[in-house]
Protein backbone atom coordinates (compact mmCIF):
# COMPACT_ATOMS: atom_id res chain seq x y z
CA MET A 1 7.98 32.15 12.34
CA PRO A 2 9.42 28.63 11.84
CA PRO A 3 10.34 27.83 8.31
CA VAL A 4 7.95 25.99 6.23
CA SER A 5 9.06 22.96 4.47
CA PRO A 6 8.68 22.59 0.68
CA PRO A 7 5.63 20.57 -0.59
CA PRO A 8 6.38 16.91 -0.23
CA THR A 9 6.37 14.47 -3.28
CA ILE A 10 3.73 11.70 -2.81
CA VAL A 11 5.26 8.22 -3.73
CA LEU A 12 2.59 5.53 -4.42
CA VAL A 13 3.59 1.87 -3.92
CA HIS A 14 0.93 -0.62 -5.28
CA GLY A 15 0.40 -4.09 -3.94
CA ALA A 16 0.07 -7.58 -5.20
CA PHE A 17 -2.08 -8.65 -7.96
CA THR A 18 -2.08 -5.19 -9.61
CA ASP A 19 0.16 -2.41 -10.90
CA ALA A 20 0.72 1.32 -10.65
CA SER A 21 -2.30 2.06 -12.61
CA SER A 22 -4.48 1.14 -9.52
CA TRP A 23 -3.44 4.66 -8.35
CA SER A 24 -4.92 6.27 -11.38
CA GLY A 25 -7.84 8.00 -9.62
CA VAL A 26 -5.71 9.13 -6.78
CA ILE A 27 -2.99 10.41 -8.97
CA SER A 28 -5.55 12.50 -10.86
CA LEU A 29 -6.74 14.09 -7.84
CA LEU A 30 -3.43 14.82 -6.33
CA HIS A 31 -2.38 16.37 -9.61
CA SER A 32 -5.43 18.45 -9.52
CA ALA A 33 -4.45 19.69 -5.99
CA GLY A 34 -1.04 20.58 -7.27
CA SER A 35 0.97 17.69 -5.73
CA THR A 36 3.96 16.00 -7.16
CA VAL A 37 3.41 12.34 -7.62
CA ARG A 38 5.54 9.26 -8.35
CA ALA A 39 4.06 5.93 -8.87
CA PRO A 40 7.03 3.36 -9.37
CA ALA A 41 6.40 -0.26 -10.33
CA ASN A 42 6.78 -2.50 -7.30
CA PRO A 43 8.77 -5.63 -8.54
CA LEU A 44 6.75 -8.02 -6.29
CA ARG A 45 9.83 -10.32 -6.33
CA GLY A 46 10.59 -10.36 -2.53
CA LEU A 47 10.37 -7.92 0.48
CA MET A 48 14.03 -7.07 0.52
CA GLN A 49 14.41 -6.62 -3.20
CA ASP A 50 11.21 -4.53 -3.50
CA ALA A 51 12.06 -2.41 -0.41
CA ALA A 52 15.40 -1.62 -1.84
CA HIS A 53 13.91 -0.53 -5.23
CA ILE A 54 11.35 1.91 -3.52
CA ARG A 55 14.11 3.06 -1.17
CA ASN A 56 16.26 4.06 -4.20
CA VAL A 57 13.26 6.03 -5.94
CA VAL A 58 12.71 7.77 -2.59
CA ARG A 59 16.53 8.72 -2.25
CA ASP A 60 16.41 10.39 -5.58
CA ILE A 61 13.91 12.84 -4.49
CA ASP A 62 15.41 15.98 -2.97
CA VAL A 63 12.24 17.09 -1.17
CA PRO A 64 10.30 15.61 1.68
CA VAL A 65 8.32 12.44 0.73
CA VAL A 66 5.02 11.05 1.78
CA LEU A 67 5.24 7.29 1.28
CA VAL A 68 1.94 5.46 0.53
CA GLY A 69 1.41 1.71 0.28
CA HIS A 70 -1.62 -0.38 -0.61
CA GLY A 71 -1.92 -3.95 0.45
CA TYR A 72 1.55 -5.65 0.20
CA GLY A 73 3.06 -2.25 -0.69
CA GLY A 74 2.47 -1.43 2.99
CA ALA A 75 5.06 -4.11 3.90
CA VAL A 76 7.47 -2.64 1.32
CA ILE A 77 7.19 0.94 2.64
CA THR A 78 7.58 -0.10 6.17
CA HIS A 79 10.84 -1.70 5.38
CA ALA A 80 12.00 0.84 2.83
CA ALA A 81 11.46 4.03 4.89
CA THR A 82 13.56 3.02 7.95
CA ASP A 83 16.64 4.81 6.63
CA ALA A 84 15.03 7.11 4.11
CA ASP A 85 15.55 10.54 5.93
CA ASN A 86 13.19 12.63 3.68
CA VAL A 87 10.21 10.29 4.31
CA VAL A 88 8.06 12.57 6.61
CA ALA A 89 4.99 10.45 6.77
CA LEU A 90 3.78 6.95 6.04
CA CYS A 91 0.14 6.19 4.60
CA TYR A 92 -1.28 2.72 4.65
CA VAL A 93 -4.27 1.65 2.59
CA ALA A 94 -5.77 -1.65 3.53
CA ALA A 95 -2.06 -2.43 3.67
CA PHE A 96 0.53 -4.58 5.83
CA GLY A 97 2.31 -2.64 8.47
CA LEU A 98 4.69 -5.30 9.63
CA ASP A 99 6.62 -5.32 12.91
CA ALA A 100 10.14 -6.27 13.18
CA GLY A 101 10.70 -10.09 12.32
CA GLU A 102 7.15 -10.49 10.90
CA CYS A 103 6.12 -11.59 7.53
CA VAL A 104 2.93 -11.16 5.60
CA LEU A 105 1.71 -14.64 6.32
CA ASP A 106 2.32 -14.19 10.08
CA ILE A 107 -0.52 -11.44 9.87
CA THR A 108 -2.96 -13.41 7.63
CA SER A 109 -2.62 -16.53 9.72
CA ARG A 110 -3.43 -14.58 13.11
CA PHE A 111 -6.90 -13.68 12.01
CA PRO A 112 -9.93 -15.50 10.45
CA PRO A 113 -9.26 -16.50 6.91
CA MET A 114 -10.70 -14.21 4.04
CA PRO A 115 -12.27 -15.45 0.92
CA ALA A 116 -9.22 -14.53 -1.04
CA ALA A 117 -7.41 -17.70 0.71
CA ASP A 118 -9.00 -20.16 -1.69
CA ALA A 119 -8.77 -17.88 -4.77
CA ILE A 120 -5.14 -18.01 -5.29
CA SER A 121 -3.23 -20.19 -7.84
CA ALA A 122 0.38 -20.70 -7.86
CA ALA A 123 2.87 -21.38 -10.64
CA ASP A 124 6.53 -22.46 -10.72
CA LEU A 125 9.24 -19.99 -11.29
CA PRO A 126 12.27 -21.03 -13.41
CA ALA A 127 15.55 -20.82 -11.46
CA GLN A 128 16.73 -18.00 -13.65
CA PHE A 129 13.98 -15.78 -12.61
CA PRO A 130 14.56 -12.93 -9.93
CA GLY A 131 13.60 -14.74 -6.60
CA GLY A 132 13.51 -18.15 -8.31
CA PRO A 133 13.41 -21.01 -8.14
CA GLY A 134 10.08 -21.05 -6.31
CA SER A 135 6.43 -19.93 -7.08
CA GLU A 136 4.51 -16.93 -7.78
CA LEU A 137 0.86 -16.46 -6.89
CA SER A 138 -2.04 -14.91 -8.93
CA LEU A 139 -5.64 -14.54 -8.11
CA ARG A 140 -8.03 -16.82 -10.40
CA GLU A 141 -9.71 -14.75 -12.93
CA GLU A 142 -12.97 -15.83 -12.15
CA ARG A 143 -12.74 -15.04 -8.53
CA PHE A 144 -10.89 -11.71 -9.02
CA PRO A 145 -14.01 -9.34 -8.84
CA GLU A 146 -15.54 -10.85 -5.84
CA VAL A 147 -12.46 -11.13 -3.70
CA TYR A 148 -10.26 -8.07 -4.78
CA ALA A 149 -12.73 -5.43 -6.19
CA ALA A 150 -16.51 -6.00 -5.39
CA ASP A 151 -17.31 -2.43 -5.54
CA LEU A 152 -16.02 -1.66 -9.08
CA PRO A 153 -17.82 -2.12 -12.41
CA PRO A 154 -17.42 -5.57 -14.01
CA GLN A 155 -15.75 -4.34 -17.10
CA LEU A 156 -12.96 -2.67 -14.95
CA THR A 157 -12.45 -5.76 -12.63
CA HIS A 158 -12.34 -7.97 -15.76
CA LEU A 159 -9.58 -5.77 -17.10
CA MET A 160 -7.75 -5.96 -13.72
CA SER A 161 -7.96 -9.72 -13.48
CA VAL A 162 -6.22 -10.35 -16.89
CA THR A 163 -3.62 -7.80 -16.52
CA GLN A 164 -2.66 -8.59 -12.62
CA ARG A 165 0.91 -8.90 -11.80
CA PRO A 166 1.66 -12.16 -9.85
CA ILE A 167 3.75 -11.93 -6.57
CA ALA A 168 6.54 -14.32 -5.62
CA HIS A 169 5.59 -16.35 -2.74
CA SER A 170 8.87 -15.69 -1.09
CA ALA A 171 7.65 -12.00 -0.67
CA LEU A 172 5.06 -13.27 1.76
CA THR A 173 7.52 -15.20 3.81
CA SER A 174 10.31 -12.61 4.07
CA ARG A 175 10.64 -11.11 7.40
CA SER A 176 10.76 -7.19 7.95
CA GLY A 177 13.37 -5.33 9.77
CA ALA A 178 12.58 -2.44 12.32
CA PRO A 179 9.46 -0.83 11.21
CA ALA A 180 9.57 2.79 10.02
CA TRP A 181 6.17 3.33 11.54
CA ALA A 182 7.84 3.38 14.93
CA LEU A 183 9.74 6.48 13.98
CA LYS A 184 7.59 8.32 11.56
CA PRO A 185 3.97 9.48 11.85
CA SER A 186 1.56 7.10 10.24
CA TRP A 187 -2.04 7.15 8.66
CA TYR A 188 -4.19 3.97 7.96
CA ALA A 189 -7.16 3.70 5.78
CA ILE A 190 -9.10 0.71 6.85
CA ALA A 191 -11.15 -0.84 4.13
CA THR A 192 -14.08 -2.35 6.02
CA ALA A 193 -15.46 -4.43 3.22
CA ASP A 194 -12.11 -5.99 2.31
CA ARG A 195 -12.15 -9.63 1.26
CA MET A 196 -8.38 -9.84 0.79
CA LEU A 197 -6.89 -8.50 4.06
CA ASN A 198 -9.01 -9.00 7.10
CA PRO A 199 -10.40 -5.56 8.37
CA THR A 200 -9.88 -6.73 12.01
CA ALA A 201 -6.07 -7.32 11.03
CA GLN A 202 -6.07 -3.86 9.45
CA ARG A 203 -7.36 -2.22 12.54
CA PHE A 204 -4.84 -4.26 14.62
CA MET A 205 -2.05 -2.99 12.62
CA ALA A 206 -3.18 0.65 12.63
CA GLN A 207 -3.66 0.66 16.37
CA ARG A 208 -0.29 -1.01 16.91
CA MET A 209 1.48 1.78 14.92
CA ALA A 210 -0.73 4.49 16.61
CA ALA A 211 -1.69 5.63 13.21
CA THR A 212 -4.51 8.15 12.42
CA GLU A 213 -7.38 5.94 11.20
CA TYR A 214 -9.65 6.43 8.35
CA LEU A 215 -12.63 3.95 7.99
CA LEU A 216 -13.60 3.52 4.39
CA ASP A 217 -16.52 1.24 3.42
CA GLY A 218 -14.90 -0.37 0.39
CA SER A 219 -13.14 -3.34 -0.90
CA HIS A 220 -9.43 -4.07 -1.11
CA ALA A 221 -9.54 -2.01 -4.19
CA VAL A 222 -10.54 1.09 -2.42
CA VAL A 223 -7.85 3.09 -3.90
CA LEU A 224 -9.81 2.83 -7.14
CA SER A 225 -13.37 2.88 -5.70
CA GLN A 226 -12.88 5.79 -3.24
CA PRO A 227 -9.90 7.75 -4.44
CA ASP A 228 -11.29 10.99 -2.94
CA ALA A 229 -11.10 9.54 0.64
CA VAL A 230 -7.57 8.18 0.16
CA VAL A 231 -6.43 11.51 -1.22
CA ALA A 232 -7.96 13.26 1.89
CA MET A 233 -5.83 11.20 4.03
CA ILE A 234 -2.64 11.52 1.95
CA ARG A 235 -3.03 15.42 2.09
CA GLU A 236 -3.79 15.51 5.80
CA ALA A 237 -0.50 13.49 6.29
CA ALA A 238 1.40 15.71 3.93
CA GLY A 239 0.00 19.03 5.77
CA GLN A 240 0.69 17.80 9.27
CA SER A 241 4.06 16.51 8.57
CA THR A 242 5.40 19.55 6.80
CA GLY A 243 3.85 22.37 8.71
CA ARG A 244 1.59 23.21 5.67
CA GLY A 245 -1.64 22.62 7.33
CA ASP A 246 -3.52 19.79 8.83
CA GLY A 247 -5.80 19.04 5.98
CA SER A 248 -8.76 18.85 8.29
CA GLU A 249 -10.98 20.59 5.71
CA LEU A 250 -10.69 17.31 3.77
CA ARG A 251 -12.17 15.08 6.34
CA HIS A 252 -15.73 15.33 5.09
CA LEU A 253 -14.63 13.30 2.14
CA VAL A 254 -14.12 10.16 4.33
């Protein structure tokens, strides 16, 4: 009988305009299932810097890792996992799965614009800031609920809008290296009601990486609105990639 790998640690990487608290529901469900979870802060200062930070987090873990990215976090895990040997699976949640030489804006410009396109405001970065001089981007508070999280309660979207973390514009123009999804099994949750990242773009990226697809009827904030479905995908990826079962009993959650 072949040896069974130890249970993987799940590393959750958030995207732009939010922080690691966006994974709160997912973390709670994974903990209830007995999984070890890490949810590091994504600096949002530039693709190379952000990927290096996440790569260091992963390298400090001495068991297999399932790396999960939401939104821009997908671009980060795509680049970070290329030389992280303990990453056994990649999970994308309404996320950017870039190819070699691509940047985030290449993807968004290839498909019809979304409502978020005119909801973004820019602020200048002082030269001494990481990634500066340049600008960083935020979502206008009054537009945040409709474009980012239309399926969440108003009190929660208001809190998210005033605590959002901006992203350096340069992070959206930095070009990715060779994609980790070309070497590692991948899963992709497509948010079909997303108003930030075009669902057609999501499907394009999922099919390009030959990912196992999950269709979720949710906004870009699907990690908060449907954490059970996101966890079902993560557990399937963890089970299939480490020989601990395929997680198929969880598909009814999607």
